[in-house]
Each structure stands twice: as structure tokens, then as C-alpha cells.
Amino acid sequence: MAETLNLGSAPAGFRFERRPAEMRRRLVTLSERTLIARDCVRVRVAGSDLRGFGANSGIDDHVRIFFPGDAASASDPGDWPSREYTPVAWADDWLDLEFVLHGSGVASEWAGAAPIGSQVVLGGPRGSVHFSGNPAQWLIAGDESAVAQIRRYAAAMPPGADARIVIEVADSNHEVPVEAPCAITYVHRGTRPPGDALVAALRETSPLPRAESFAFVAGEQSVVSPARNLVFDDWGLSDTQAIVKGYWRRA
């Protein structure tokens, strides 16, 4: 049964609906790789197993990618190294994902260097979050790791939406283009630790009206505590009006 969460005093008709989904694994093949910004690539995976994917997709879907790596001999893909990602776009037999290339992690290495034709297993999503109606105001913020999810929220905004989108990147060469019905503010961290520039930008942002708003903030784990303090404590949004999460943790 679908779970409906009313957003407190948000505008009439605006709500989240959580719909569970049956977990399914799909064997897919790397078919394309495109550099979209420095250290950021979009990859396309393809395969007949993708038919039916996204039939009940929502705004906050995630999939888990299982990489064979050194565990290729393991018979169960569930034993392979895995990471979660937000699908960017898909059709009957292909799906696009975006990766930030950094360090020597299994996902970064696969996205940046795996030969075309390499196979991985894609699992999920386990469930979907659907918007019904629209917030009066939006604040969507994150770093490079959250750009795919930012794209999903931007695509859900109606034309002329009262929205603010803030994206932290290293510098102007790392700015990832995002289509949105509002202006996008890029903040550059330079030599500062990841998350510092994003938190500073959020603190300079005008508070969202408590009764009519939705906020999403994601990035390096250090962003979570100050962002939660700002959104929930200072602005007074409820936990059914905002999502704040860490997508990765620096070493």
C-alpha cells in the first residue's frame, strides 16, 4: 500500500507519496561515456533487462550498481562492491548515470576507465517518492555528487517556479550545466574543504517561508549537521518539508 505524507502546513494538495517497489537486478552493459565537465562523466548502460525500468519512477529514486571488480568470481552480485546513484534519464533499453571522478574508488575507476562493453548489475529502486502538487518555494542545494538528483528536482519544477538552486564545485572549470526554470548559483570552494562553500552560501540565503517550502541539501557528510540546523532549527521547516543527507565522506 502506498504511504502518503502530508507536508504539515504546506500548500493544499502538496504531499509526498512513498511507493514501495519490488527489488530487481538487471544485467547492463556500458555503451557510452561522455565527459560533461572536468572530472564528471555521464555513462550510458544498455540492455534488454532495462525494459520496464522507471514504469513507476519518482523524484527521489536511487539504484545500486554492483561492480564485479576483484569479486568477479563471486556468483552472487550482492557480494560485489556496490554504490548508490540517481538515474538521470532512461528509455526502454538504456539508462544514463553521472559519476564524479575522484580517487581510486571502484565506481570512479569503472566510470572513467572501464572498456565499452563492460557489464555491471543494476539493482532497484527499492521504492519511489512521488510529489503531488508543488511547493510554493524550493531550495535545492548540493555539490557535484548531488547533481543528478538536482537535475531530477529541477525537472519537476513548473515553469516560473520560485526556486533557488545552489551547487558547490571546485572552480569554474567544474561547473556542470543543469537545465532548470530558475537561475543556478555555483559556489567555488577552491582550496577549502568540501562543503564549506556550500554551507556558507546556505547561511547567506534568505530563510524559506515555513508554511510553503521544500528544501533539499546533499553533499559531503560535513554539510549535514549545519544544514539541518539551518533548515530545521533556524528556518523551522519540518522533516516532511526537507531532505538533508550526506552522499559521501572525505577520507
Protein backbone atom coordinates (compact mmCIF):
# COMPACT_ATOMS: atom_id res chain seq x y z
CA MET A 1 0.00 0.00 0.00
CA ALA A 2 1.30 3.46 -0.86
CA GLU A 3 2.15 5.73 2.05
CA THR A 4 1.06 9.37 1.81
CA LEU A 5 2.78 12.02 3.90
CA ASN A 6 1.08 15.40 4.10
CA LEU A 7 3.57 18.22 4.41
CA GLY A 8 2.19 19.82 7.54
CA SER A 9 1.10 23.36 6.71
CA ALA A 10 2.39 23.23 3.14
CA PRO A 11 0.04 24.37 0.35
CA ALA A 12 -3.12 22.33 -0.09
CA GLY A 13 -2.53 19.31 -2.28
CA PHE A 14 1.26 19.23 -1.87
CA ARG A 15 2.41 15.94 -0.45
CA PHE A 16 4.88 13.10 -0.75
CA GLU A 17 3.73 9.65 -1.62
CA ARG A 18 6.08 6.76 -0.95
CA ARG A 19 5.52 3.75 -3.18
CA PRO A 20 7.43 0.54 -2.46
CA ALA A 21 8.85 -1.40 -5.37
CA GLU A 22 10.00 -4.94 -5.83
CA MET A 23 13.79 -5.18 -5.80
CA ARG A 24 15.05 -6.37 -9.17
CA ARG A 25 18.56 -6.86 -10.52
CA ARG A 26 19.36 -6.10 -14.13
CA LEU A 27 22.46 -7.01 -16.12
CA VAL A 28 23.53 -3.98 -18.16
CA THR A 29 26.40 -3.12 -20.49
CA LEU A 30 28.43 0.09 -20.67
CA SER A 31 27.66 1.54 -24.10
CA GLU A 32 28.68 5.24 -23.99
CA ARG A 33 30.81 7.61 -21.93
CA THR A 34 30.67 11.43 -22.19
CA LEU A 35 32.73 13.99 -20.28
CA ILE A 36 30.27 16.71 -19.22
CA ALA A 37 32.62 18.73 -17.01
CA ARG A 38 36.09 18.32 -15.61
CA ASP A 39 36.11 15.12 -13.53
CA CYS A 40 32.44 14.43 -14.24
CA VAL A 41 31.21 11.87 -16.75
CA ARG A 42 27.85 10.65 -17.92
CA VAL A 43 27.71 6.98 -18.80
CA ARG A 44 25.01 5.08 -20.60
CA VAL A 45 24.30 1.47 -19.80
CA ALA A 46 22.11 -0.61 -22.06
CA GLY A 47 20.39 -3.96 -22.13
CA SER A 48 17.09 -5.72 -22.55
CA ASP A 49 16.83 -6.13 -18.76
CA LEU A 50 16.04 -2.41 -18.55
CA ARG A 51 12.64 -2.85 -20.15
CA GLY A 52 10.06 -1.75 -17.65
CA PHE A 53 12.56 0.28 -15.62
CA GLY A 54 11.03 3.53 -14.43
CA ALA A 55 7.44 2.49 -15.03
CA ASN A 56 6.60 3.88 -11.58
CA SER A 57 9.56 6.20 -11.16
CA GLY A 58 9.52 9.01 -8.64
CA ILE A 59 11.53 12.12 -7.95
CA ASP A 60 13.93 10.58 -5.44
CA ASP A 61 14.71 7.18 -6.96
CA HIS A 62 18.11 5.57 -6.43
CA VAL A 63 19.66 2.47 -7.91
CA ARG A 64 22.53 0.37 -6.61
CA ILE A 65 25.28 -0.58 -9.03
CA PHE A 66 27.21 -3.79 -8.35
CA PHE A 67 30.73 -3.74 -9.80
CA PRO A 68 32.47 -7.08 -10.46
CA GLY A 69 35.96 -5.73 -9.69
CA ASP A 70 38.11 -8.22 -7.80
CA ALA A 71 34.97 -10.11 -6.82
CA ALA A 72 34.10 -11.13 -10.38
CA SER A 73 34.33 -14.78 -9.38
CA ALA A 74 31.58 -14.37 -6.78
CA SER A 75 28.41 -16.00 -8.07
CA ASP A 76 26.07 -13.59 -6.27
CA PRO A 77 26.32 -9.94 -7.45
CA GLY A 78 25.12 -9.00 -4.00
CA ASP A 79 28.64 -9.85 -2.82
CA TRP A 80 30.25 -7.42 -5.28
CA PRO A 81 31.29 -3.88 -4.29
CA SER A 82 28.35 -1.54 -4.81
CA ARG A 83 27.39 2.14 -4.72
CA GLU A 84 24.10 4.04 -4.96
CA TYR A 85 23.37 6.54 -7.73
CA THR A 86 20.48 8.61 -9.03
CA PRO A 87 19.34 7.77 -12.57
CA VAL A 88 19.43 10.82 -14.83
CA ALA A 89 17.43 9.60 -17.83
CA TRP A 90 16.26 6.33 -19.33
CA ALA A 91 14.24 4.62 -22.04
CA ASP A 92 13.23 1.04 -22.77
CA ASP A 93 16.75 -0.30 -23.23
CA TRP A 94 19.17 2.31 -21.85
CA LEU A 95 19.82 4.33 -18.70
CA ASP A 96 22.12 7.31 -18.03
CA LEU A 97 24.09 7.87 -14.83
CA GLU A 98 26.59 10.54 -13.79
CA PHE A 99 29.81 9.98 -11.86
CA VAL A 100 32.29 12.33 -10.24
CA LEU A 101 35.79 11.01 -10.94
CA HIS A 102 37.92 11.25 -7.82
CA GLY A 103 40.37 8.97 -6.10
CA SER A 104 40.63 5.27 -6.80
CA GLY A 105 37.20 4.07 -5.75
CA VAL A 106 35.61 1.17 -7.58
CA ALA A 107 32.81 3.32 -9.03
CA SER A 108 35.10 6.14 -10.14
CA GLU A 109 37.53 3.74 -11.79
CA TRP A 110 34.75 1.91 -13.61
CA ALA A 111 33.04 5.08 -14.80
CA GLY A 112 36.27 6.65 -16.01
CA ALA A 113 38.18 3.74 -17.47
CA ALA A 114 36.13 0.57 -17.91
CA PRO A 115 36.10 -0.60 -21.55
CA ILE A 116 32.93 -0.06 -23.52
CA GLY A 117 31.12 -3.37 -23.34
CA SER A 118 31.89 -3.91 -19.65
CA GLN A 119 29.00 -5.27 -17.65
CA VAL A 120 27.64 -4.41 -14.22
CA VAL A 121 24.49 -5.32 -12.34
CA LEU A 122 21.97 -2.65 -11.50
CA GLY A 123 19.59 -3.13 -8.59
CA GLY A 124 16.47 -1.26 -7.59
CA PRO A 125 14.99 1.13 -6.98
CA ARG A 126 13.50 -0.34 -3.83
CA GLY A 127 10.83 2.34 -3.83
CA SER A 128 9.87 5.73 -5.16
CA VAL A 129 8.93 9.11 -3.74
CA HIS A 130 6.31 10.97 -5.74
CA PHE A 131 5.33 14.61 -5.49
CA SER A 132 1.67 15.53 -5.76
CA GLY A 133 1.30 19.23 -6.32
CA ASN A 134 4.18 21.67 -6.00
CA PRO A 135 5.76 23.69 -3.19
CA ALA A 136 5.37 27.45 -3.38
CA GLN A 137 9.14 27.81 -2.94
CA TRP A 138 12.07 25.47 -3.50
CA LEU A 139 15.66 25.41 -2.27
CA ILE A 140 17.81 22.73 -3.89
CA ALA A 141 21.50 22.62 -2.95
CA GLY A 142 24.39 20.21 -3.20
CA ASP A 143 27.85 19.51 -4.53
CA GLU A 144 28.95 17.56 -7.61
CA SER A 145 27.81 14.28 -6.11
CA ALA A 146 24.23 15.57 -5.90
CA VAL A 147 23.94 16.99 -9.43
CA ALA A 148 21.98 14.02 -10.78
CA GLN A 149 19.42 14.40 -8.00
CA ILE A 150 19.37 18.17 -8.51
CA ARG A 151 18.50 17.51 -12.16
CA ARG A 152 15.54 15.41 -11.07
CA TYR A 153 14.18 18.14 -8.81
CA ALA A 154 14.78 20.82 -11.43
CA ALA A 155 12.86 18.77 -13.98
CA ALA A 156 9.93 18.52 -11.56
CA MET A 157 9.66 22.29 -11.09
CA PRO A 158 6.89 24.00 -13.04
CA PRO A 159 7.75 26.89 -15.40
CA GLY A 160 8.28 30.06 -13.43
CA ALA A 161 8.86 28.20 -10.17
CA ASP A 162 10.04 30.30 -7.24
CA ALA A 163 13.21 28.31 -6.75
CA ARG A 164 16.85 28.59 -5.80
CA ILE A 165 19.49 26.07 -6.84
CA VAL A 166 23.00 26.22 -5.36
CA ILE A 167 25.80 23.90 -6.49
CA GLU A 168 29.28 23.75 -4.94
CA VAL A 169 32.15 22.83 -7.26
CA ALA A 170 35.92 23.19 -7.13
CA ASP A 171 36.11 26.06 -9.64
CA SER A 172 34.55 27.39 -12.83
CA ASN A 173 36.03 24.53 -14.88
CA HIS A 174 34.00 22.06 -12.83
CA GLU A 175 30.61 23.73 -13.26
CA VAL A 176 28.17 21.10 -14.52
CA PRO A 177 25.35 22.51 -16.68
CA VAL A 178 21.86 21.86 -15.36
CA GLU A 179 18.61 22.75 -17.10
CA ALA A 180 16.22 24.45 -14.69
CA PRO A 181 13.39 27.01 -14.72
CA CYS A 182 15.41 29.23 -12.38
CA ALA A 183 18.89 30.67 -12.12
CA ILE A 184 21.63 28.43 -10.75
CA THR A 185 24.26 29.72 -8.36
CA TYR A 186 27.65 27.98 -8.50
CA VAL A 187 29.90 28.47 -5.50
CA HIS A 188 33.60 27.63 -5.77
CA ARG A 189 35.33 26.00 -2.83
CA GLY A 190 38.85 26.47 -4.19
CA THR A 191 41.25 25.08 -1.61
CA ARG A 192 38.68 24.95 1.17
CA PRO A 193 37.39 21.59 2.43
CA PRO A 194 34.41 20.16 0.54
CA GLY A 195 31.14 21.52 1.88
CA ASP A 196 32.48 24.75 3.37
CA ALA A 197 31.43 26.94 0.44
CA LEU A 198 28.01 25.29 0.24
CA VAL A 199 27.29 25.83 3.93
CA ALA A 200 28.44 29.45 3.69
CA ALA A 201 26.12 30.02 0.74
CA LEU A 202 23.19 28.47 2.58
CA ARG A 203 23.77 30.70 5.59
CA GLU A 204 23.58 33.73 3.30
CA THR A 205 20.30 32.54 1.77
CA SER A 206 17.07 34.20 2.82
CA PRO A 207 15.00 31.85 5.00
CA LEU A 208 12.27 29.89 3.26
CA PRO A 209 8.71 30.59 4.42
CA ARG A 210 7.84 27.89 6.91
CA ALA A 211 4.40 27.10 5.52
CA GLU A 212 5.08 26.83 1.81
CA SER A 213 8.54 25.46 1.16
CA PHE A 214 10.58 22.43 0.25
CA ALA A 215 14.35 22.12 0.72
CA PHE A 216 16.84 19.52 -0.42
CA VAL A 217 20.51 19.65 0.63
CA ALA A 218 23.07 16.92 -0.06
CA GLY A 219 26.82 16.59 -0.38
CA GLU A 220 29.84 15.70 1.71
CA GLN A 221 28.93 14.41 5.18
CA SER A 222 30.19 17.53 6.97
CA VAL A 223 27.37 19.52 5.35
CA VAL A 224 24.63 17.56 7.10
CA SER A 225 24.81 18.95 10.64
CA PRO A 226 24.99 22.69 9.79
CA ALA A 227 22.42 22.29 7.02
CA ARG A 228 20.00 20.52 9.34
CA ASN A 229 20.49 23.20 11.98
CA LEU A 230 19.72 25.90 9.43
CA VAL A 231 16.77 24.26 7.70
CA PHE A 232 15.05 22.68 10.69
CA ASP A 233 16.06 24.80 13.67
CA ASP A 234 16.57 28.28 12.23
CA TRP A 235 14.01 28.19 9.42
CA GLY A 236 11.55 25.95 11.20
CA LEU A 237 10.83 23.54 8.35
CA SER A 238 9.53 20.14 9.36
CA ASP A 239 11.17 16.87 8.44
CA THR A 240 8.35 16.34 5.93
CA GLN A 241 9.32 19.55 4.13
CA ALA A 242 13.05 19.00 3.77
CA ILE A 243 15.61 16.33 2.93
CA VAL A 244 19.19 16.75 4.17
CA LYS A 245 21.64 13.92 3.60
CA GLY A 246 25.29 13.07 3.15
CA TYR A 247 26.22 11.46 -0.15
CA TRP A 248 29.89 10.80 0.61
CA ARG A 249 32.56 11.21 3.29
CA ARG A 250 36.06 12.55 2.66
CA ALA A 251 38.97 10.48 3.90
